[in-house]
Amino acid sequence: MRVIDLIDSGLTDYAEVDRLQRELHGKAAAGEGDFLILAEFTPTWTAGRHTKPEDVPDTTLPIIRTDRAGSATWHGPGQVVCYPVVKLKEPVDLYAWIRSVEAGVIGTVREDWGLDARRIDGRAGVWLTEEGRRDRKICAIGLKVARGATLHGVALNVDIDPAAAFSGIIPCGLADADVASLSWEGVRTTVREAANALVVRLFDSIRPQLADPDPILENWSAS
């Protein structure tokens, strides 16, 4: 699996990364390699397949329609985006794929930063829950599988701006929940450091789902 790390190049345009992932998806579907894209986007609002009109009350926002699962979300500074573009083993088990991606993020948030991250039945993504508080989503997950290969991925909130992030939308269409960020939970880390941690644990978690029986991380150094 080749890591394509764009984070140190600065903020990246969503459309550029989307074009790249679709080019790599063609290669993965043809059995010509697996890839993992890392990026931090310029401020961007996207709408997945399940977005309802009421999820975007600010109709002046420039929303990019996309073919991932889920509703409306925000990408931007202070957030790690990770797209695993890989060929899955046959028969493809979409449920197992989703769970493996979730597990990689949950393991990272728990083991590297000591937060009690978990999944919530019926709600996509990775969550923090606490008695007396609304559930808080710390990582959005929107996935797609086509021709046996994967598209899209995860967006982990590291140090996002509460005054700008998710403004004008109902994040993931959930009016009864909130958004979280590592920094808001007292974790001091950078996008670079968070990406380094995420890659290793996510790779270990998704390995059993890959068509490649003996995958290794190429072009990667968590320095």
C-alpha atoms as a PDB file:
ATOM      1  CA  MET A   1       0.000   0.000   0.000  1.00  0.00           C
ATOM      2  CA  ARG A   2       1.532   3.281  -1.100  1.00  0.00           C
ATOM      3  CA  VAL A   3       0.964   6.314   1.094  1.00  0.00           C
ATOM      4  CA  ILE A   4       0.392   9.576  -0.769  1.00  0.00           C
ATOM      5  CA  ASP A   5       1.019  12.188   1.902  1.00  0.00           C
ATOM      6  CA  LEU A   6      -0.092  15.707   0.970  1.00  0.00           C
ATOM      7  CA  ILE A   7      -0.186  17.188   4.460  1.00  0.00           C
ATOM      8  CA  ASP A   8       3.246  18.797   4.464  1.00  0.00           C
ATOM      9  CA  SER A   9       2.357  20.582   1.206  1.00  0.00           C
ATOM     10  CA  GLY A  10      -0.219  22.660   3.090  1.00  0.00           C
ATOM     11  CA  LEU A  11      -3.950  22.966   2.569  1.00  0.00           C
ATOM     12  CA  THR A  12      -5.165  21.062  -0.483  1.00  0.00           C
ATOM     13  CA  ASP A  13      -8.172  21.677  -2.702  1.00  0.00           C
ATOM     14  CA  TYR A  14     -10.890  19.041  -2.250  1.00  0.00           C
ATOM     15  CA  ALA A  15     -11.497  18.735  -5.997  1.00  0.00           C
ATOM     16  CA  GLU A  16      -7.829  17.967  -6.654  1.00  0.00           C
ATOM     17  CA  VAL A  17      -7.805  15.164  -4.103  1.00  0.00           C
ATOM     18  CA  ASP A  18     -11.100  13.845  -5.427  1.00  0.00           C
ATOM     19  CA  ARG A  19      -9.648  13.613  -8.946  1.00  0.00           C
ATOM     20  CA  LEU A  20      -6.585  11.853  -7.560  1.00  0.00           C
ATOM     21  CA  GLN A  21      -8.577   9.301  -5.585  1.00  0.00           C
ATOM     22  CA  ARG A  22     -10.694   8.428  -8.627  1.00  0.00           C
ATOM     23  CA  GLU A  23      -7.593   7.932 -10.745  1.00  0.00           C
ATOM     24  CA  LEU A  24      -6.119   5.684  -8.062  1.00  0.00           C
ATOM     25  CA  HIS A  25      -9.443   3.882  -7.659  1.00  0.00           C
ATOM     26  CA  GLY A  26      -9.201   2.740 -11.271  1.00  0.00           C
ATOM     27  CA  LYS A  27      -5.766   1.304 -10.548  1.00  0.00           C
ATOM     28  CA  ALA A  28      -6.882  -0.389  -7.339  1.00  0.00           C
ATOM     29  CA  ALA A  29      -9.945  -1.905  -9.011  1.00  0.00           C
ATOM     30  CA  ALA A  30      -7.684  -3.302 -11.745  1.00  0.00           C
ATOM     31  CA  GLY A  31      -5.401  -4.874  -9.146  1.00  0.00           C
ATOM     32  CA  GLU A  32      -2.584  -2.414  -9.835  1.00  0.00           C
ATOM     33  CA  GLY A  33      -1.938  -1.419  -6.240  1.00  0.00           C
ATOM     34  CA  ASP A  34      -3.476  -0.058  -3.065  1.00  0.00           C
ATOM     35  CA  PHE A  35      -3.159   3.531  -1.893  1.00  0.00           C
ATOM     36  CA  LEU A  36      -3.739   5.694   1.153  1.00  0.00           C
ATOM     37  CA  ILE A  37      -4.184   9.452   0.668  1.00  0.00           C
ATOM     38  CA  LEU A  38      -3.543  11.903   3.512  1.00  0.00           C
ATOM     39  CA  ALA A  39      -4.600  15.539   3.217  1.00  0.00           C
ATOM     40  CA  GLU A  40      -5.719  18.658   5.040  1.00  0.00           C
ATOM     41  CA  PHE A  41      -8.260  20.546   2.949  1.00  0.00           C
ATOM     42  CA  THR A  42      -9.037  24.157   2.327  1.00  0.00           C
ATOM     43  CA  PRO A  43     -12.483  24.942   3.849  1.00  0.00           C
ATOM     44  CA  THR A  44     -15.004  22.812   1.944  1.00  0.00           C
ATOM     45  CA  TRP A  45     -18.574  21.671   2.490  1.00  0.00           C
ATOM     46  CA  THR A  46     -19.635  18.376   0.937  1.00  0.00           C
ATOM     47  CA  ALA A  47     -22.961  16.572   0.743  1.00  0.00           C
ATOM     48  CA  GLY A  48     -23.176  12.792   0.648  1.00  0.00           C
ATOM     49  CA  ARG A  49     -25.887  10.633  -0.866  1.00  0.00           C
ATOM     50  CA  HIS A  50     -28.163  10.846   2.177  1.00  0.00           C
ATOM     51  CA  THR A  51     -28.178  14.644   2.510  1.00  0.00           C
ATOM     52  CA  LYS A  52     -31.627  16.172   2.997  1.00  0.00           C
ATOM     53  CA  PRO A  53     -32.448  19.825   2.211  1.00  0.00           C
ATOM     54  CA  GLU A  54     -32.872  20.630   5.899  1.00  0.00           C
ATOM     55  CA  ASP A  55     -29.285  19.481   6.592  1.00  0.00           C
ATOM     56  CA  VAL A  56     -28.010  22.660   4.886  1.00  0.00           C
ATOM     57  CA  PRO A  57     -30.042  25.576   6.279  1.00  0.00           C
ATOM     58  CA  ASP A  58     -27.573  28.113   4.833  1.00  0.00           C
ATOM     59  CA  THR A  59     -28.399  27.731   1.152  1.00  0.00           C
ATOM     60  CA  THR A  60     -25.694  30.234   0.180  1.00  0.00           C
ATOM     61  CA  LEU A  61     -22.933  27.769   1.029  1.00  0.00           C
ATOM     62  CA  PRO A  62     -21.033  26.281  -1.945  1.00  0.00           C
ATOM     63  CA  ILE A  63     -21.815  22.608  -1.363  1.00  0.00           C
ATOM     64  CA  ILE A  64     -19.980  19.933  -3.347  1.00  0.00           C
ATOM     65  CA  ARG A  65     -22.174  16.917  -4.078  1.00  0.00           C
ATOM     66  CA  THR A  66     -20.339  13.627  -3.697  1.00  0.00           C
ATOM     67  CA  ASP A  67     -21.097   9.914  -4.023  1.00  0.00           C
ATOM     68  CA  ARG A  68     -20.002   8.878  -0.536  1.00  0.00           C
ATOM     69  CA  ALA A  69     -22.470   7.705   2.080  1.00  0.00           C
ATOM     70  CA  GLY A  70     -23.728  10.099   4.731  1.00  0.00           C
ATOM     71  CA  SER A  71     -25.032  13.638   4.835  1.00  0.00           C
ATOM     72  CA  ALA A  72     -23.441  17.097   4.860  1.00  0.00           C
ATOM     73  CA  THR A  73     -20.067  17.703   6.469  1.00  0.00           C
ATOM     74  CA  TRP A  74     -17.194  20.171   6.560  1.00  0.00           C
ATOM     75  CA  HIS A  75     -13.517  19.720   5.738  1.00  0.00           C
ATOM     76  CA  GLY A  76     -10.828  22.245   6.500  1.00  0.00           C
ATOM     77  CA  PRO A  77      -7.821  23.368   8.527  1.00  0.00           C
ATOM     78  CA  GLY A  78      -7.132  21.362  11.662  1.00  0.00           C
ATOM     79  CA  GLN A  79      -8.651  18.150  10.299  1.00  0.00           C
ATOM     80  CA  VAL A  80      -6.898  15.036   8.996  1.00  0.00           C
ATOM     81  CA  VAL A  81      -8.560  13.444   5.965  1.00  0.00           C
ATOM     82  CA  CYS A  82      -7.515   9.906   5.124  1.00  0.00           C
ATOM     83  CA  TYR A  83      -8.770   8.030   2.044  1.00  0.00           C
ATOM     84  CA  PRO A  84      -7.847   4.344   1.793  1.00  0.00           C
ATOM     85  CA  VAL A  85      -8.212   3.447  -1.900  1.00  0.00           C
ATOM     86  CA  VAL A  86      -7.809  -0.316  -1.856  1.00  0.00           C
ATOM     87  CA  LYS A  87      -8.939  -3.548  -3.493  1.00  0.00           C
ATOM     88  CA  LEU A  88     -11.031  -5.646  -1.106  1.00  0.00           C
ATOM     89  CA  LYS A  89     -10.933  -9.410  -0.837  1.00  0.00           C
ATOM     90  CA  GLU A  90     -13.744 -11.450  -2.363  1.00  0.00           C
ATOM     91  CA  PRO A  91     -16.537 -11.764  -1.523  1.00  0.00           C
ATOM     92  CA  VAL A  92     -16.690  -8.100  -0.592  1.00  0.00           C
ATOM     93  CA  ASP A  93     -18.170  -7.585   2.868  1.00  0.00           C
ATOM     94  CA  LEU A  94     -19.199  -3.925   3.071  1.00  0.00           C
ATOM     95  CA  TYR A  95     -20.179  -4.211   6.720  1.00  0.00           C
ATOM     96  CA  ALA A  96     -16.774  -5.662   7.634  1.00  0.00           C
ATOM     97  CA  TRP A  97     -15.051  -2.891   5.671  1.00  0.00           C
ATOM     98  CA  ILE A  98     -16.928  -0.162   7.529  1.00  0.00           C
ATOM     99  CA  ARG A  99     -16.218  -1.794  10.878  1.00  0.00           C
ATOM    100  CA  SER A 100     -12.512  -2.166  10.105  1.00  0.00           C
ATOM    101  CA  VAL A 101     -12.206   1.536   9.255  1.00  0.00           C
ATOM    102  CA  GLU A 102     -14.120   2.515  12.388  1.00  0.00           C
ATOM    103  CA  ALA A 103     -11.926   0.251  14.513  1.00  0.00           C
ATOM    104  CA  GLY A 104      -8.757   1.854  13.190  1.00  0.00           C
ATOM    105  CA  VAL A 105      -9.927   5.330  14.181  1.00  0.00           C
ATOM    106  CA  ILE A 106     -11.308   4.191  17.539  1.00  0.00           C
ATOM    107  CA  GLY A 107      -8.017   2.482  18.371  1.00  0.00           C
ATOM    108  CA  THR A 108      -6.059   5.614  17.500  1.00  0.00           C
ATOM    109  CA  VAL A 109      -8.193   7.946  19.592  1.00  0.00           C
ATOM    110  CA  ARG A 110      -8.188   5.567  22.561  1.00  0.00           C
ATOM    111  CA  GLU A 111      -4.588   4.369  22.544  1.00  0.00           C
ATOM    112  CA  ASP A 112      -2.784   7.496  21.383  1.00  0.00           C
ATOM    113  CA  TRP A 113      -4.840  10.167  23.153  1.00  0.00           C
ATOM    114  CA  GLY A 114      -6.673   8.376  25.946  1.00  0.00           C
ATOM    115  CA  LEU A 115     -10.212   9.356  24.928  1.00  0.00           C
ATOM    116  CA  ASP A 116     -13.053   6.850  25.249  1.00  0.00           C
ATOM    117  CA  ALA A 117     -13.997   6.783  21.568  1.00  0.00           C
ATOM    118  CA  ARG A 118     -16.651   4.357  20.376  1.00  0.00           C
ATOM    119  CA  ARG A 119     -19.193   3.588  17.692  1.00  0.00           C
ATOM    120  CA  ILE A 120     -22.898   4.219  18.198  1.00  0.00           C
ATOM    121  CA  ASP A 121     -25.388   1.855  16.593  1.00  0.00           C
ATOM    122  CA  GLY A 122     -27.275   3.579  13.807  1.00  0.00           C
ATOM    123  CA  ARG A 123     -24.833   6.514  13.619  1.00  0.00           C
ATOM    124  CA  ALA A 124     -21.830   6.564  11.314  1.00  0.00           C
ATOM    125  CA  GLY A 125     -18.467   7.800  12.498  1.00  0.00           C
ATOM    126  CA  VAL A 126     -16.541   7.734  15.759  1.00  0.00           C
ATOM    127  CA  TRP A 127     -18.037   9.258  18.864  1.00  0.00           C
ATOM    128  CA  LEU A 128     -17.368  10.488  22.369  1.00  0.00           C
ATOM    129  CA  THR A 129     -20.187   9.889  24.833  1.00  0.00           C
ATOM    130  CA  GLU A 130     -20.590  11.128  28.365  1.00  0.00           C
ATOM    131  CA  GLU A 131     -23.392  11.055  30.916  1.00  0.00           C
ATOM    132  CA  GLY A 132     -25.270  14.344  30.959  1.00  0.00           C
ATOM    133  CA  ARG A 133     -23.852  15.582  27.631  1.00  0.00           C
ATOM    134  CA  ARG A 134     -24.936  15.213  24.022  1.00  0.00           C
ATOM    135  CA  ASP A 135     -23.016  12.700  21.940  1.00  0.00           C
ATOM    136  CA  ARG A 136     -20.043  14.282  20.157  1.00  0.00           C
ATOM    137  CA  LYS A 137     -18.671  13.121  16.807  1.00  0.00           C
ATOM    138  CA  ILE A 138     -14.899  13.405  16.638  1.00  0.00           C
ATOM    139  CA  CYS A 139     -14.434  11.654  13.290  1.00  0.00           C
ATOM    140  CA  ALA A 140     -16.748  11.536  10.289  1.00  0.00           C
ATOM    141  CA  ILE A 141     -16.668   8.397   8.146  1.00  0.00           C
ATOM    142  CA  GLY A 142     -18.143   8.235   4.647  1.00  0.00           C
ATOM    143  CA  LEU A 143     -17.296   5.278   2.437  1.00  0.00           C
ATOM    144  CA  LYS A 144     -18.081   3.771  -0.948  1.00  0.00           C
ATOM    145  CA  VAL A 145     -17.144   0.512  -2.690  1.00  0.00           C
ATOM    146  CA  ALA A 146     -17.260   0.219  -6.485  1.00  0.00           C
ATOM    147  CA  ARG A 147     -15.817  -2.557  -8.668  1.00  0.00           C
ATOM    148  CA  GLY A 148     -14.449  -4.186  -5.533  1.00  0.00           C
ATOM    149  CA  ALA A 149     -12.340  -1.151  -4.565  1.00  0.00           C
ATOM    150  CA  THR A 150     -12.908   1.603  -2.036  1.00  0.00           C
ATOM    151  CA  LEU A 151     -13.408   5.363  -2.194  1.00  0.00           C
ATOM    152  CA  HIS A 152     -13.562   8.159   0.390  1.00  0.00           C
ATOM    153  CA  GLY A 153     -12.671   7.612   4.033  1.00  0.00           C
ATOM    154  CA  VAL A 154     -12.373   9.437   7.347  1.00  0.00           C
ATOM    155  CA  ALA A 155     -12.074  13.014   8.592  1.00  0.00           C
ATOM    156  CA  LEU A 156     -10.618  13.293  12.106  1.00  0.00           C
ATOM    157  CA  ASN A 157     -11.022  16.624  13.895  1.00  0.00           C
ATOM    158  CA  VAL A 158      -7.682  17.550  15.459  1.00  0.00           C
ATOM    159  CA  ASP A 159      -7.698  21.310  16.113  1.00  0.00           C
ATOM    160  CA  ILE A 160     -10.566  22.860  14.187  1.00  0.00           C
ATOM    161  CA  ASP A 161     -11.889  26.401  14.609  1.00  0.00           C
ATOM    162  CA  PRO A 162     -15.238  26.287  16.437  1.00  0.00           C
ATOM    163  CA  ALA A 163     -16.241  29.632  14.925  1.00  0.00           C
ATOM    164  CA  ALA A 164     -15.884  28.425  11.335  1.00  0.00           C
ATOM    165  CA  ALA A 165     -16.018  24.647  11.137  1.00  0.00           C
ATOM    166  CA  PHE A 166     -19.424  23.181  10.242  1.00  0.00           C
ATOM    167  CA  SER A 167     -21.023  26.640  10.136  1.00  0.00           C
ATOM    168  CA  GLY A 168     -24.212  26.705   8.072  1.00  0.00           C
ATOM    169  CA  ILE A 169     -24.893  22.949   8.074  1.00  0.00           C
ATOM    170  CA  ILE A 170     -26.307  20.330  10.413  1.00  0.00           C
ATOM    171  CA  PRO A 171     -23.220  18.079  10.633  1.00  0.00           C
ATOM    172  CA  CYS A 172     -24.034  14.643   9.247  1.00  0.00           C
ATOM    173  CA  GLY A 173     -27.729  15.515   9.467  1.00  0.00           C
ATOM    174  CA  LEU A 174     -27.797  14.979  13.248  1.00  0.00           C
ATOM    175  CA  ALA A 175     -29.547  17.854  15.002  1.00  0.00           C
ATOM    176  CA  ASP A 176     -29.379  16.108  18.394  1.00  0.00           C
ATOM    177  CA  ALA A 177     -25.585  15.673  18.508  1.00  0.00           C
ATOM    178  CA  ASP A 178     -22.469  17.831  18.548  1.00  0.00           C
ATOM    179  CA  VAL A 179     -19.041  17.900  16.917  1.00  0.00           C
ATOM    180  CA  ALA A 180     -15.829  17.272  18.873  1.00  0.00           C
ATOM    181  CA  SER A 181     -12.160  18.006  18.244  1.00  0.00           C
ATOM    182  CA  LEU A 182      -9.087  16.588  19.954  1.00  0.00           C
ATOM    183  CA  SER A 183      -8.048  20.072  21.030  1.00  0.00           C
ATOM    184  CA  TRP A 184     -11.448  20.727  22.609  1.00  0.00           C
ATOM    185  CA  GLU A 185     -10.984  17.562  24.655  1.00  0.00           C
ATOM    186  CA  GLY A 186      -7.646  18.747  26.042  1.00  0.00           C
ATOM    187  CA  VAL A 187      -5.420  16.840  23.597  1.00  0.00           C
ATOM    188  CA  ARG A 188      -2.493  18.858  22.300  1.00  0.00           C
ATOM    189  CA  THR A 189      -1.292  17.448  19.008  1.00  0.00           C
ATOM    190  CA  THR A 190      -0.780  18.597  15.435  1.00  0.00           C
ATOM    191  CA  VAL A 191      -2.375  17.495  12.196  1.00  0.00           C
ATOM    192  CA  ARG A 192       0.978  15.993  11.238  1.00  0.00           C
ATOM    193  CA  GLU A 193       1.286  13.990  14.450  1.00  0.00           C
ATOM    194  CA  ALA A 194      -2.337  12.880  14.301  1.00  0.00           C
ATOM    195  CA  ALA A 195      -1.914  11.663  10.724  1.00  0.00           C
ATOM    196  CA  ASN A 196       1.173   9.679  11.696  1.00  0.00           C
ATOM    197  CA  ALA A 197      -0.717   7.921  14.465  1.00  0.00           C
ATOM    198  CA  LEU A 198      -3.799   7.294  12.344  1.00  0.00           C
ATOM    199  CA  VAL A 199      -1.974   5.729   9.392  1.00  0.00           C
ATOM    200  CA  VAL A 200      -0.345   2.977  11.436  1.00  0.00           C
ATOM    201  CA  ARG A 201      -3.434   1.889  13.346  1.00  0.00           C
ATOM    202  CA  LEU A 202      -5.778   2.214  10.369  1.00  0.00           C
ATOM    203  CA  PHE A 203      -3.473   0.114   8.216  1.00  0.00           C
ATOM    204  CA  ASP A 204      -3.350  -2.631  10.849  1.00  0.00           C
ATOM    205  CA  SER A 205      -7.131  -2.556  11.205  1.00  0.00           C
ATOM    206  CA  ILE A 206      -8.004  -2.794   7.491  1.00  0.00           C
ATOM    207  CA  ARG A 207      -5.345  -5.357   6.526  1.00  0.00           C
ATOM    208  CA  PRO A 208      -7.651  -8.392   6.928  1.00  0.00           C
ATOM    209  CA  GLN A 209     -10.091  -6.878   4.392  1.00  0.00           C
ATOM    210  CA  LEU A 210      -7.565  -6.386   1.592  1.00  0.00           C
ATOM    211  CA  ALA A 211      -7.251  -8.538  -1.508  1.00  0.00           C
ATOM    212  CA  ASP A 212      -3.468  -8.349  -1.149  1.00  0.00           C
ATOM    213  CA  PRO A 213      -2.664 -11.230   1.219  1.00  0.00           C
ATOM    214  CA  ASP A 214       0.559  -9.655   2.506  1.00  0.00           C
ATOM    215  CA  PRO A 215       0.264  -5.845   2.390  1.00  0.00           C
ATOM    216  CA  ILE A 216       3.012  -3.507   3.533  1.00  0.00           C
ATOM    217  CA  LEU A 217       3.175   0.274   3.887  1.00  0.00           C
ATOM    218  CA  GLU A 218       5.337   1.782   1.165  1.00  0.00           C
ATOM    219  CA  ASN A 219       6.682   5.321   0.847  1.00  0.00           C
ATOM    220  CA  TRP A 220       5.929   5.993   4.499  1.00  0.00           C
ATOM    221  CA  SER A 221       7.901   7.291   7.431  1.00  0.00           C
ATOM    222  CA  ALA A 222       6.115   8.677  10.466  1.00  0.00           C
ATOM    223  CA  SER A 223       8.748  11.308  11.124  1.00  0.00           C
END
